[in-house]
């Protein structure tokens, strides 16, 4: 009988609660660690043995009934709040909306899209390839000899599994393209590459390259130079002086280093290391062995290839002096673009 009166009292208080805070206070009063039910249970050891079972069962029943009443009232309060929200209670349509934070494209993504648009306007196709590559496509088919330093672990991220690695350049797509498409071919391949580099202001373990490949009858170095000059003219909106220096790359012969005159200075600056020249990309005529590996007759077809670091191009474009900003995730840097 005493428990019935206590339960009636608790239910009355629960029904009177008009918010969750009041409801939680009533719960603590009756079923909290210092509440009515807790005191009943604590008194059991002091009772005669024949009364303990009855009091214990009554206390548990009281606790369950109070909790059921509280959950029912909580559901009623939630339904009432939803109904009020649907009716627009407390809503002022004249208030300004909450500010919506807008993001922006990463500078590398922005410039990559410009590069793709420029080359597509020149008749190139944009291709893609796997970032986890086979040794055959990354090295062997590109005329890298078995003892080439690039195959060592200190320069390449090797994966668990036979002949799997994270591609060190976008050039493997050259072979995949030659295997799948007959000449004439005009394509670029933008994408991430990975090298086991020690990080500093000009080196990063993950960066973005753009590979270019042209294969057709009668292709020569003049076509290569003209293509890159036209691309740079459109990108920087002015003519830039360029030069070719001999360079070694296993998959081209002859190979060149393609330099541009620094677009930021006349007598030398930090970007060009006070030489007035900036190394832009490696390039050259596609090696006959590479054409053969792709199933193309080098006696009939020739081609050129080039590859440049998109991150370095972005640094030139915006005057950024540390490549680590691109992977750093610092919003103070990224929000500038």
C-alpha atoms as a PDB file:
ATOM      1  CA  UNK A   1       0.000   0.000   0.000  1.00  0.00           C
ATOM      2  CA  UNK A   2       2.821   2.347   0.854  1.00  0.00           C
ATOM      3  CA  UNK A   3       4.439   1.675  -2.534  1.00  0.00           C
ATOM      4  CA  UNK A   4       1.108   2.354  -4.272  1.00  0.00           C
ATOM      5  CA  UNK A   5       0.920   5.796  -2.667  1.00  0.00           C
ATOM      6  CA  UNK A   6       4.541   6.507  -3.599  1.00  0.00           C
ATOM      7  CA  UNK A   7       3.909   5.454  -7.200  1.00  0.00           C
ATOM      8  CA  UNK A   8       0.790   7.622  -7.433  1.00  0.00           C
ATOM      9  CA  UNK A   9       2.780  10.573  -6.103  1.00  0.00           C
ATOM     10  CA  UNK A  10       5.579   9.964  -8.622  1.00  0.00           C
ATOM     11  CA  UNK A  11       3.175   9.628 -11.545  1.00  0.00           C
ATOM     12  CA  UNK A  12       1.482  12.895 -10.585  1.00  0.00           C
ATOM     13  CA  UNK A  13       4.824  14.714 -10.537  1.00  0.00           C
ATOM     14  CA  UNK A  14       5.863  13.130 -13.856  1.00  0.00           C
ATOM     15  CA  UNK A  15       2.655  14.242 -15.590  1.00  0.00           C
ATOM     16  CA  UNK A  16       3.268  17.772 -14.317  1.00  0.00           C
ATOM     17  CA  UNK A  17       6.715  17.990 -15.945  1.00  0.00           C
ATOM     18  CA  UNK A  18       6.740  20.322 -18.941  1.00  0.00           C
ATOM     19  CA  UNK A  19      10.351  19.810 -20.041  1.00  0.00           C
ATOM     20  CA  UNK A  20      13.093  17.184 -19.912  1.00  0.00           C
ATOM     21  CA  UNK A  21      15.023  18.907 -17.140  1.00  0.00           C
ATOM     22  CA  UNK A  22      12.058  18.685 -14.753  1.00  0.00           C
ATOM     23  CA  UNK A  23      11.459  15.085 -15.795  1.00  0.00           C
ATOM     24  CA  UNK A  24      15.064  14.113 -15.069  1.00  0.00           C
ATOM     25  CA  UNK A  25      14.779  15.730 -11.617  1.00  0.00           C
ATOM     26  CA  UNK A  26      11.744  13.596 -10.772  1.00  0.00           C
ATOM     27  CA  UNK A  27      13.557  10.480 -11.963  1.00  0.00           C
ATOM     28  CA  UNK A  28      16.498  11.236  -9.677  1.00  0.00           C
ATOM     29  CA  UNK A  29      14.103  11.802  -6.763  1.00  0.00           C
ATOM     30  CA  UNK A  30      12.603   8.334  -7.075  1.00  0.00           C
ATOM     31  CA  UNK A  31      15.051   6.048  -8.916  1.00  0.00           C
ATOM     32  CA  UNK A  32      18.362   7.901  -8.534  1.00  0.00           C
ATOM     33  CA  UNK A  33      21.220   6.561  -6.457  1.00  0.00           C
ATOM     34  CA  UNK A  34      19.935   8.457  -3.416  1.00  0.00           C
ATOM     35  CA  UNK A  35      16.238   8.229  -4.318  1.00  0.00           C
ATOM     36  CA  UNK A  36      13.232   6.537  -2.785  1.00  0.00           C
ATOM     37  CA  UNK A  37      13.876   3.136  -4.399  1.00  0.00           C
ATOM     38  CA  UNK A  38      17.544   3.163  -3.371  1.00  0.00           C
ATOM     39  CA  UNK A  39      16.575   3.843   0.238  1.00  0.00           C
ATOM     40  CA  UNK A  40      14.051   0.986   0.192  1.00  0.00           C
ATOM     41  CA  UNK A  41      16.688  -1.429  -1.094  1.00  0.00           C
ATOM     42  CA  UNK A  42      19.216  -0.201   1.466  1.00  0.00           C
ATOM     43  CA  UNK A  43      16.755  -0.913   4.272  1.00  0.00           C
ATOM     44  CA  UNK A  44      16.306  -4.588   3.344  1.00  0.00           C
ATOM     45  CA  UNK A  45      19.230  -5.925   5.459  1.00  0.00           C
ATOM     46  CA  UNK A  46      17.640  -4.361   8.572  1.00  0.00           C
ATOM     47  CA  UNK A  47      14.278  -6.061   8.070  1.00  0.00           C
ATOM     48  CA  UNK A  48      13.140  -9.436   9.376  1.00  0.00           C
ATOM     49  CA  UNK A  49      13.969 -12.204   6.930  1.00  0.00           C
ATOM     50  CA  UNK A  50      10.318 -12.918   6.126  1.00  0.00           C
ATOM     51  CA  UNK A  51       9.789  -9.307   4.931  1.00  0.00           C
ATOM     52  CA  UNK A  52      12.906  -8.915   2.791  1.00  0.00           C
ATOM     53  CA  UNK A  53      11.615 -10.702  -0.300  1.00  0.00           C
ATOM     54  CA  UNK A  54       8.370  -8.721  -0.375  1.00  0.00           C
ATOM     55  CA  UNK A  55      10.095  -5.369   0.123  1.00  0.00           C
ATOM     56  CA  UNK A  56      12.717  -6.152  -2.529  1.00  0.00           C
ATOM     57  CA  UNK A  57      10.104  -7.142  -5.094  1.00  0.00           C
ATOM     58  CA  UNK A  58       8.024  -4.073  -4.272  1.00  0.00           C
ATOM     59  CA  UNK A  59      11.022  -1.769  -4.682  1.00  0.00           C
ATOM     60  CA  UNK A  60      11.876  -3.225  -8.091  1.00  0.00           C
ATOM     61  CA  UNK A  61       8.250  -2.978  -9.217  1.00  0.00           C
ATOM     62  CA  UNK A  62       8.125   0.634  -8.095  1.00  0.00           C
ATOM     63  CA  UNK A  63      11.310   1.426  -9.972  1.00  0.00           C
ATOM     64  CA  UNK A  64      10.015  -0.188 -13.164  1.00  0.00           C
ATOM     65  CA  UNK A  65       6.676   1.637 -12.955  1.00  0.00           C
ATOM     66  CA  UNK A  66       8.340   5.024 -12.373  1.00  0.00           C
ATOM     67  CA  UNK A  67      10.678   4.498 -15.334  1.00  0.00           C
ATOM     68  CA  UNK A  68       7.782   3.470 -17.598  1.00  0.00           C
ATOM     69  CA  UNK A  69       5.841   6.580 -16.622  1.00  0.00           C
ATOM     70  CA  UNK A  70       8.920   8.747 -17.234  1.00  0.00           C
ATOM     71  CA  UNK A  71       9.532   7.241 -20.705  1.00  0.00           C
ATOM     72  CA  UNK A  72       5.880   7.749 -21.628  1.00  0.00           C
ATOM     73  CA  UNK A  73       6.044  11.400 -20.552  1.00  0.00           C
ATOM     74  CA  UNK A  74       9.317  11.849 -22.453  1.00  0.00           C
ATOM     75  CA  UNK A  75       7.623  10.607 -25.632  1.00  0.00           C
ATOM     76  CA  UNK A  76       4.737  13.024 -25.056  1.00  0.00           C
ATOM     77  CA  UNK A  77       7.155  15.947 -24.636  1.00  0.00           C
ATOM     78  CA  UNK A  78       9.040  15.001 -27.799  1.00  0.00           C
ATOM     79  CA  UNK A  79       5.784  14.757 -29.785  1.00  0.00           C
ATOM     80  CA  UNK A  80       4.644  18.128 -28.454  1.00  0.00           C
ATOM     81  CA  UNK A  81       7.980  19.733 -29.382  1.00  0.00           C
ATOM     82  CA  UNK A  82       7.768  18.303 -32.905  1.00  0.00           C
ATOM     83  CA  UNK A  83       4.206  19.541 -33.337  1.00  0.00           C
ATOM     84  CA  UNK A  84       5.215  23.010 -32.175  1.00  0.00           C
ATOM     85  CA  UNK A  85       8.171  22.993 -34.576  1.00  0.00           C
ATOM     86  CA  UNK A  86       5.914  22.002 -37.463  1.00  0.00           C
ATOM     87  CA  UNK A  87       3.562  24.850 -36.637  1.00  0.00           C
ATOM     88  CA  UNK A  88       6.481  27.282 -36.723  1.00  0.00           C
ATOM     89  CA  UNK A  89       6.195  28.203 -33.062  1.00  0.00           C
ATOM     90  CA  UNK A  90       8.987  30.560 -32.099  1.00  0.00           C
ATOM     91  CA  UNK A  91      10.165  30.955 -35.711  1.00  0.00           C
ATOM     92  CA  UNK A  92      10.844  34.466 -36.973  1.00  0.00           C
ATOM     93  CA  UNK A  93      11.030  34.510 -40.799  1.00  0.00           C
ATOM     94  CA  UNK A  94      12.592  37.992 -40.729  1.00  0.00           C
ATOM     95  CA  UNK A  95      15.783  36.732 -39.037  1.00  0.00           C
ATOM     96  CA  UNK A  96      18.808  36.243 -41.323  1.00  0.00           C
ATOM     97  CA  UNK A  97      19.712  32.609 -42.007  1.00  0.00           C
ATOM     98  CA  UNK A  98      22.630  30.893 -40.342  1.00  0.00           C
ATOM     99  CA  UNK A  99      25.888  31.434 -42.195  1.00  0.00           C
ATOM    100  CA  UNK A 100      26.751  28.575 -44.521  1.00  0.00           C
ATOM    101  CA  UNK A 101      30.464  27.893 -44.689  1.00  0.00           C
ATOM    102  CA  UNK A 102      31.561  27.317 -48.268  1.00  0.00           C
ATOM    103  CA  UNK A 103      34.604  25.336 -49.213  1.00  0.00           C
ATOM    104  CA  UNK A 104      36.863  25.829 -52.198  1.00  0.00           C
ATOM    105  CA  UNK A 105      38.787  23.680 -54.630  1.00  0.00           C
ATOM    106  CA  UNK A 106      42.331  22.721 -53.751  1.00  0.00           C
ATOM    107  CA  UNK A 107      44.788  24.819 -55.826  1.00  0.00           C
ATOM    108  CA  UNK A 108      46.198  21.654 -57.407  1.00  0.00           C
ATOM    109  CA  UNK A 109      42.687  20.630 -58.498  1.00  0.00           C
ATOM    110  CA  UNK A 110      42.011  24.096 -59.915  1.00  0.00           C
ATOM    111  CA  UNK A 111      45.170  24.142 -62.027  1.00  0.00           C
ATOM    112  CA  UNK A 112      44.694  20.492 -63.046  1.00  0.00           C
ATOM    113  CA  UNK A 113      41.311  21.360 -64.533  1.00  0.00           C
ATOM    114  CA  UNK A 114      42.857  24.278 -66.429  1.00  0.00           C
ATOM    115  CA  UNK A 115      45.599  22.007 -67.769  1.00  0.00           C
ATOM    116  CA  UNK A 116      43.037  19.411 -68.881  1.00  0.00           C
ATOM    117  CA  UNK A 117      40.948  22.081 -70.624  1.00  0.00           C
ATOM    118  CA  UNK A 118      43.977  23.512 -72.452  1.00  0.00           C
ATOM    119  CA  UNK A 119      45.157  20.157 -73.739  1.00  0.00           C
ATOM    120  CA  UNK A 120      41.650  19.095 -74.701  1.00  0.00           C
ATOM    121  CA  UNK A 121      41.398  22.274 -76.780  1.00  0.00           C
ATOM    122  CA  UNK A 122      44.537  21.035 -78.579  1.00  0.00           C
ATOM    123  CA  UNK A 123      42.890  17.703 -79.404  1.00  0.00           C
ATOM    124  CA  UNK A 124      44.228  15.626 -76.499  1.00  0.00           C
ATOM    125  CA  UNK A 125      42.289  12.986 -74.570  1.00  0.00           C
ATOM    126  CA  UNK A 126      42.466  12.867 -70.758  1.00  0.00           C
ATOM    127  CA  UNK A 127      43.264   9.347 -69.522  1.00  0.00           C
ATOM    128  CA  UNK A 128      43.720   7.709 -66.141  1.00  0.00           C
ATOM    129  CA  UNK A 129      45.558   4.693 -64.752  1.00  0.00           C
ATOM    130  CA  UNK A 130      45.939   2.682 -61.533  1.00  0.00           C
ATOM    131  CA  UNK A 131      47.954   4.140 -58.665  1.00  0.00           C
ATOM    132  CA  UNK A 132      48.942   0.648 -57.491  1.00  0.00           C
ATOM    133  CA  UNK A 133      50.936  -0.574 -60.448  1.00  0.00           C
ATOM    134  CA  UNK A 134      52.773  -3.645 -61.689  1.00  0.00           C
ATOM    135  CA  UNK A 135      56.550  -3.641 -61.939  1.00  0.00           C
ATOM    136  CA  UNK A 136      56.159  -4.484 -65.628  1.00  0.00           C
ATOM    137  CA  UNK A 137      54.294  -1.270 -66.480  1.00  0.00           C
ATOM    138  CA  UNK A 138      56.179   0.985 -64.069  1.00  0.00           C
ATOM    139  CA  UNK A 139      59.698  -0.168 -65.015  1.00  0.00           C
ATOM    140  CA  UNK A 140      60.203  -3.113 -67.354  1.00  0.00           C
ATOM    141  CA  UNK A 141      58.060  -1.994 -70.293  1.00  0.00           C
ATOM    142  CA  UNK A 142      59.459   1.543 -69.962  1.00  0.00           C
ATOM    143  CA  UNK A 143      62.983   0.325 -70.686  1.00  0.00           C
ATOM    144  CA  UNK A 144      64.245   0.478 -67.087  1.00  0.00           C
ATOM    145  CA  UNK A 145      67.039  -2.095 -66.768  1.00  0.00           C
ATOM    146  CA  UNK A 146      66.811  -4.583 -63.852  1.00  0.00           C
ATOM    147  CA  UNK A 147      69.662  -2.850 -61.960  1.00  0.00           C
ATOM    148  CA  UNK A 148      68.287   0.691 -62.330  1.00  0.00           C
ATOM    149  CA  UNK A 149      68.420   2.650 -59.012  1.00  0.00           C
ATOM    150  CA  UNK A 150      64.717   3.541 -59.248  1.00  0.00           C
ATOM    151  CA  UNK A 151      63.872  -0.106 -58.524  1.00  0.00           C
ATOM    152  CA  UNK A 152      65.477   0.039 -55.079  1.00  0.00           C
ATOM    153  CA  UNK A 153      63.373   0.336 -51.942  1.00  0.00           C
ATOM    154  CA  UNK A 154      64.875   3.697 -51.014  1.00  0.00           C
ATOM    155  CA  UNK A 155      63.214   5.276 -54.076  1.00  0.00           C
ATOM    156  CA  UNK A 156      60.029   3.219 -54.498  1.00  0.00           C
ATOM    157  CA  UNK A 157      57.155   2.172 -52.235  1.00  0.00           C
ATOM    158  CA  UNK A 158      56.765  -1.570 -52.774  1.00  0.00           C
ATOM    159  CA  UNK A 159      53.560  -3.348 -51.742  1.00  0.00           C
ATOM    160  CA  UNK A 160      53.098  -6.760 -50.203  1.00  0.00           C
ATOM    161  CA  UNK A 161      52.508  -9.036 -53.125  1.00  0.00           C
ATOM    162  CA  UNK A 162      54.422 -10.035 -56.201  1.00  0.00           C
ATOM    163  CA  UNK A 163      55.637  -7.118 -58.348  1.00  0.00           C
ATOM    164  CA  UNK A 164      53.183  -4.563 -56.874  1.00  0.00           C
ATOM    165  CA  UNK A 165      54.207  -0.985 -56.100  1.00  0.00           C
ATOM    166  CA  UNK A 166      52.858   2.539 -55.788  1.00  0.00           C
ATOM    167  CA  UNK A 167      53.568   4.087 -59.167  1.00  0.00           C
ATOM    168  CA  UNK A 168      56.569   6.409 -59.163  1.00  0.00           C
ATOM    169  CA  UNK A 169      55.384   8.334 -62.241  1.00  0.00           C
ATOM    170  CA  UNK A 170      52.414   8.488 -64.580  1.00  0.00           C
ATOM    171  CA  UNK A 171      54.450   7.003 -67.448  1.00  0.00           C
ATOM    172  CA  UNK A 172      53.030   3.448 -67.004  1.00  0.00           C
ATOM    173  CA  UNK A 173      49.886   4.729 -68.694  1.00  0.00           C
ATOM    174  CA  UNK A 174      51.984   5.181 -71.848  1.00  0.00           C
ATOM    175  CA  UNK A 175      52.232   1.396 -72.199  1.00  0.00           C
ATOM    176  CA  UNK A 176      48.606   0.797 -71.236  1.00  0.00           C
ATOM    177  CA  UNK A 177      47.511   3.371 -73.829  1.00  0.00           C
ATOM    178  CA  UNK A 178      49.681   1.890 -76.581  1.00  0.00           C
ATOM    179  CA  UNK A 179      48.280  -1.576 -75.800  1.00  0.00           C
ATOM    180  CA  UNK A 180      44.672  -0.434 -75.976  1.00  0.00           C
ATOM    181  CA  UNK A 181      44.683   2.239 -78.706  1.00  0.00           C
ATOM    182  CA  UNK A 182      46.164   2.257 -82.181  1.00  0.00           C
ATOM    183  CA  UNK A 183      47.984   5.399 -83.374  1.00  0.00           C
ATOM    184  CA  UNK A 184      47.432   8.263 -83.852  1.00  0.00           C
ATOM    185  CA  UNK A 185      47.434   8.938 -80.102  1.00  0.00           C
ATOM    186  CA  UNK A 186      47.277  12.303 -78.343  1.00  0.00           C
ATOM    187  CA  UNK A 187      46.676  11.995 -74.601  1.00  0.00           C
ATOM    188  CA  UNK A 188      47.562  13.423 -71.225  1.00  0.00           C
ATOM    189  CA  UNK A 189      47.466  11.551 -67.934  1.00  0.00           C
ATOM    190  CA  UNK A 190      47.120  13.614 -64.738  1.00  0.00           C
ATOM    191  CA  UNK A 191      47.362  11.753 -61.443  1.00  0.00           C
ATOM    192  CA  UNK A 192      49.051  11.154 -58.130  1.00  0.00           C
ATOM    193  CA  UNK A 193      52.450   9.486 -57.898  1.00  0.00           C
ATOM    194  CA  UNK A 194      54.489   8.297 -54.924  1.00  0.00           C
ATOM    195  CA  UNK A 195      58.195   8.326 -54.163  1.00  0.00           C
ATOM    196  CA  UNK A 196      60.197   7.504 -51.079  1.00  0.00           C
ATOM    197  CA  UNK A 197      61.455  11.085 -50.750  1.00  0.00           C
ATOM    198  CA  UNK A 198      62.770  12.924 -47.728  1.00  0.00           C
ATOM    199  CA  UNK A 199      60.328  15.797 -47.301  1.00  0.00           C
ATOM    200  CA  UNK A 200      61.504  19.374 -47.617  1.00  0.00           C
ATOM    201  CA  UNK A 201      60.357  22.605 -49.282  1.00  0.00           C
ATOM    202  CA  UNK A 202      60.700  21.100 -52.781  1.00  0.00           C
ATOM    203  CA  UNK A 203      60.172  17.354 -52.202  1.00  0.00           C
ATOM    204  CA  UNK A 204      57.091  15.417 -51.080  1.00  0.00           C
ATOM    205  CA  UNK A 205      56.309  11.695 -50.920  1.00  0.00           C
ATOM    206  CA  UNK A 206      52.953  12.184 -52.675  1.00  0.00           C
ATOM    207  CA  UNK A 207      52.534  14.643 -55.514  1.00  0.00           C
ATOM    208  CA  UNK A 208      50.742  15.096 -58.831  1.00  0.00           C
ATOM    209  CA  UNK A 209      52.157  14.622 -62.312  1.00  0.00           C
ATOM    210  CA  UNK A 210      50.836  15.236 -65.785  1.00  0.00           C
ATOM    211  CA  UNK A 211      52.060  12.841 -68.456  1.00  0.00           C
ATOM    212  CA  UNK A 212      51.755  13.640 -72.158  1.00  0.00           C
ATOM    213  CA  UNK A 213      51.976  11.165 -75.037  1.00  0.00           C
ATOM    214  CA  UNK A 214      51.759  11.702 -78.785  1.00  0.00           C
ATOM    215  CA  UNK A 215      52.344   8.866 -81.272  1.00  0.00           C
ATOM    216  CA  UNK A 216      51.835   9.256 -85.017  1.00  0.00           C
ATOM    217  CA  UNK A 217      53.700   9.116 -88.284  1.00  0.00           C
ATOM    218  CA  UNK A 218      56.383  11.774 -88.705  1.00  0.00           C
ATOM    219  CA  UNK A 219      56.374  13.163 -85.150  1.00  0.00           C
ATOM    220  CA  UNK A 220      59.577  15.036 -84.268  1.00  0.00           C
ATOM    221  CA  UNK A 221      61.187  17.233 -81.606  1.00  0.00           C
ATOM    222  CA  UNK A 222      59.741  20.347 -83.228  1.00  0.00           C
ATOM    223  CA  UNK A 223      56.243  19.102 -82.463  1.00  0.00           C
ATOM    224  CA  UNK A 224      57.240  18.484 -78.844  1.00  0.00           C
ATOM    225  CA  UNK A 225      58.699  21.975 -78.401  1.00  0.00           C
ATOM    226  CA  UNK A 226      55.780  23.654 -80.120  1.00  0.00           C
ATOM    227  CA  UNK A 227      53.235  21.783 -78.010  1.00  0.00           C
ATOM    228  CA  UNK A 228      54.830  22.728 -74.701  1.00  0.00           C
ATOM    229  CA  UNK A 229      55.379  26.363 -75.739  1.00  0.00           C
ATOM    230  CA  UNK A 230      51.740  26.671 -76.815  1.00  0.00           C
ATOM    231  CA  UNK A 231      50.575  25.159 -73.542  1.00  0.00           C
ATOM    232  CA  UNK A 232      52.726  27.505 -71.426  1.00  0.00           C
ATOM    233  CA  UNK A 233      51.651  30.527 -73.475  1.00  0.00           C
ATOM    234  CA  UNK A 234      48.007  29.820 -72.736  1.00  0.00           C
ATOM    235  CA  UNK A 235      48.610  28.995 -69.087  1.00  0.00           C
ATOM    236  CA  UNK A 236      50.676  32.097 -68.256  1.00  0.00           C
ATOM    237  CA  UNK A 237      49.003  34.297 -70.867  1.00  0.00           C
ATOM    238  CA  UNK A 238      52.319  35.405 -72.341  1.00  0.00           C
ATOM    239  CA  UNK A 239      55.244  33.994 -74.269  1.00  0.00           C
ATOM    240  CA  UNK A 240      58.021  32.456 -72.175  1.00  0.00           C
ATOM    241  CA  UNK A 241      61.555  31.752 -73.292  1.00  0.00           C
ATOM    242  CA  UNK A 242      62.349  28.041 -73.216  1.00  0.00           C
ATOM    243  CA  UNK A 243      65.399  25.871 -73.669  1.00  0.00           C
ATOM    244  CA  UNK A 244      66.163  22.193 -74.096  1.00  0.00           C
ATOM    245  CA  UNK A 245      69.043  20.525 -72.278  1.00  0.00           C
ATOM    246  CA  UNK A 246      70.135  16.923 -72.810  1.00  0.00           C
ATOM    247  CA  UNK A 247      68.667  14.647 -70.155  1.00  0.00           C
ATOM    248  CA  UNK A 248      68.510  10.919 -69.521  1.00  0.00           C
ATOM    249  CA  UNK A 249      65.213   9.093 -69.128  1.00  0.00           C
ATOM    250  CA  UNK A 250      65.118   5.366 -69.972  1.00  0.00           C
ATOM    251  CA  UNK A 251      61.850   5.580 -71.882  1.00  0.00           C
ATOM    252  CA  UNK A 252      62.815   8.395 -74.322  1.00  0.00           C
ATOM    253  CA  UNK A 253      65.653   8.792 -76.813  1.00  0.00           C
ATOM    254  CA  UNK A 254      66.795  11.484 -77.188  1.00  0.00           C
ATOM    255  CA  UNK A 255      65.766  12.867 -73.810  1.00  0.00           C
ATOM    256  CA  UNK A 256      65.649  16.498 -72.689  1.00  0.00           C
ATOM    257  CA  UNK A 257      65.197  18.718 -69.679  1.00  0.00           C
ATOM    258  CA  UNK A 258      62.736  21.435 -70.669  1.00  0.00           C
ATOM    259  CA  UNK A 259      63.417  24.753 -68.893  1.00  0.00           C
ATOM    260  CA  UNK A 260      61.465  28.000 -68.920  1.00  0.00           C
ATOM    261  CA  UNK A 261      62.723  31.462 -68.145  1.00  0.00           C
ATOM    262  CA  UNK A 262      61.517  32.447 -64.683  1.00  0.00           C
ATOM    263  CA  UNK A 263      58.158  34.255 -65.001  1.00  0.00           C
ATOM    264  CA  UNK A 264      58.737  36.152 -61.729  1.00  0.00           C
ATOM    265  CA  UNK A 265      62.069  37.876 -62.173  1.00  0.00           C
ATOM    266  CA  UNK A 266      64.646  39.303 -64.556  1.00  0.00           C
ATOM    267  CA  UNK A 267      67.893  38.970 -62.656  1.00  0.00           C
ATOM    268  CA  UNK A 268      67.192  35.981 -60.443  1.00  0.00           C
ATOM    269  CA  UNK A 269      64.963  35.193 -57.458  1.00  0.00           C
ATOM    270  CA  UNK A 270      64.271  32.454 -54.931  1.00  0.00           C
ATOM    271  CA  UNK A 271      61.968  30.566 -57.314  1.00  0.00           C
ATOM    272  CA  UNK A 272      64.702  30.105 -59.925  1.00  0.00           C
ATOM    273  CA  UNK A 273      67.581  29.995 -57.412  1.00  0.00           C
ATOM    274  CA  UNK A 274      68.907  33.199 -59.029  1.00  0.00           C
ATOM    275  CA  UNK A 275      69.619  31.433 -62.321  1.00  0.00           C
ATOM    276  CA  UNK A 276      66.680  33.030 -64.250  1.00  0.00           C
ATOM    277  CA  UNK A 277      65.740  29.487 -65.433  1.00  0.00           C
ATOM    278  CA  UNK A 278      63.256  27.054 -63.916  1.00  0.00           C
ATOM    279  CA  UNK A 279      63.220  23.334 -64.719  1.00  0.00           C
ATOM    280  CA  UNK A 280      59.733  22.593 -66.008  1.00  0.00           C
ATOM    281  CA  UNK A 281      59.653  18.982 -67.155  1.00  0.00           C
ATOM    282  CA  UNK A 282      61.461  15.999 -68.572  1.00  0.00           C
ATOM    283  CA  UNK A 283      60.610  15.048 -72.136  1.00  0.00           C
ATOM    284  CA  UNK A 284      61.862  13.429 -75.305  1.00  0.00           C
ATOM    285  CA  UNK A 285      61.086  11.156 -78.215  1.00  0.00           C
ATOM    286  CA  UNK A 286      59.469   7.863 -77.203  1.00  0.00           C
ATOM    287  CA  UNK A 287      62.095   5.121 -77.120  1.00  0.00           C
ATOM    288  CA  UNK A 288      61.630   2.407 -79.796  1.00  0.00           C
ATOM    289  CA  UNK A 289      61.695  -0.248 -77.063  1.00  0.00           C
ATOM    290  CA  UNK A 290      58.690   1.416 -75.412  1.00  0.00           C
ATOM    291  CA  UNK A 291      56.804   1.475 -78.713  1.00  0.00           C
ATOM    292  CA  UNK A 292      57.560  -2.214 -79.220  1.00  0.00           C
ATOM    293  CA  UNK A 293      56.409  -3.041 -75.665  1.00  0.00           C
ATOM    294  CA  UNK A 294      53.096  -1.382 -76.508  1.00  0.00           C
ATOM    295  CA  UNK A 295      52.740  -3.276 -79.773  1.00  0.00           C
ATOM    296  CA  UNK A 296      53.553  -0.301 -82.036  1.00  0.00           C
ATOM    297  CA  UNK A 297      55.953  -0.541 -85.001  1.00  0.00           C
ATOM    298  CA  UNK A 298      58.812   1.983 -84.392  1.00  0.00           C
ATOM    299  CA  UNK A 299      59.756   1.805 -88.073  1.00  0.00           C
ATOM    300  CA  UNK A 300      56.425   3.386 -88.995  1.00  0.00           C
ATOM    301  CA  UNK A 301      55.498   5.473 -85.985  1.00  0.00           C
ATOM    302  CA  UNK A 302      57.353   7.901 -83.755  1.00  0.00           C
ATOM    303  CA  UNK A 303      56.207   9.949 -80.825  1.00  0.00           C
ATOM    304  CA  UNK A 304      57.108  12.240 -77.991  1.00  0.00           C
ATOM    305  CA  UNK A 305      56.350  12.156 -74.283  1.00  0.00           C
ATOM    306  CA  UNK A 306      56.657  14.640 -71.458  1.00  0.00           C
ATOM    307  CA  UNK A 307      55.942  14.667 -67.759  1.00  0.00           C
ATOM    308  CA  UNK A 308      55.804  17.595 -65.378  1.00  0.00           C
ATOM    309  CA  UNK A 309      54.995  17.998 -61.715  1.00  0.00           C
ATOM    310  CA  UNK A 310      51.660  19.765 -61.382  1.00  0.00           C
ATOM    311  CA  UNK A 311      52.530  20.820 -57.829  1.00  0.00           C
ATOM    312  CA  UNK A 312      55.588  22.707 -59.106  1.00  0.00           C
ATOM    313  CA  UNK A 313      53.464  24.369 -61.769  1.00  0.00           C
ATOM    314  CA  UNK A 314      51.004  25.496 -59.081  1.00  0.00           C
ATOM    315  CA  UNK A 315      53.928  26.840 -57.035  1.00  0.00           C
ATOM    316  CA  UNK A 316      55.085  28.846 -60.054  1.00  0.00           C
ATOM    317  CA  UNK A 317      51.575  30.058 -60.756  1.00  0.00           C
ATOM    318  CA  UNK A 318      50.910  31.380 -57.248  1.00  0.00           C
ATOM    319  CA  UNK A 319      54.437  32.037 -55.977  1.00  0.00           C
ATOM    320  CA  UNK A 320      54.254  29.279 -53.313  1.00  0.00           C
ATOM    321  CA  UNK A 321      57.638  28.456 -51.801  1.00  0.00           C
ATOM    322  CA  UNK A 322      56.939  25.166 -49.969  1.00  0.00           C
ATOM    323  CA  UNK A 323      55.399  22.073 -51.584  1.00  0.00           C
ATOM    324  CA  UNK A 324      54.439  20.662 -48.167  1.00  0.00           C
ATOM    325  CA  UNK A 325      51.552  23.152 -47.956  1.00  0.00           C
ATOM    326  CA  UNK A 326      49.585  21.089 -50.496  1.00  0.00           C
ATOM    327  CA  UNK A 327      49.390  17.981 -48.291  1.00  0.00           C
ATOM    328  CA  UNK A 328      49.416  19.794 -44.946  1.00  0.00           C
ATOM    329  CA  UNK A 329      45.650  20.317 -44.665  1.00  0.00           C
ATOM    330  CA  UNK A 330      46.088  23.798 -43.153  1.00  0.00           C
ATOM    331  CA  UNK A 331      42.862  25.715 -43.850  1.00  0.00           C
ATOM    332  CA  UNK A 332      44.657  29.029 -43.434  1.00  0.00           C
ATOM    333  CA  UNK A 333      46.610  28.147 -46.560  1.00  0.00           C
ATOM    334  CA  UNK A 334      43.813  26.480 -48.536  1.00  0.00           C
ATOM    335  CA  UNK A 335      41.259  29.242 -47.925  1.00  0.00           C
ATOM    336  CA  UNK A 336      43.401  31.640 -49.939  1.00  0.00           C
ATOM    337  CA  UNK A 337      42.396  29.901 -53.172  1.00  0.00           C
END
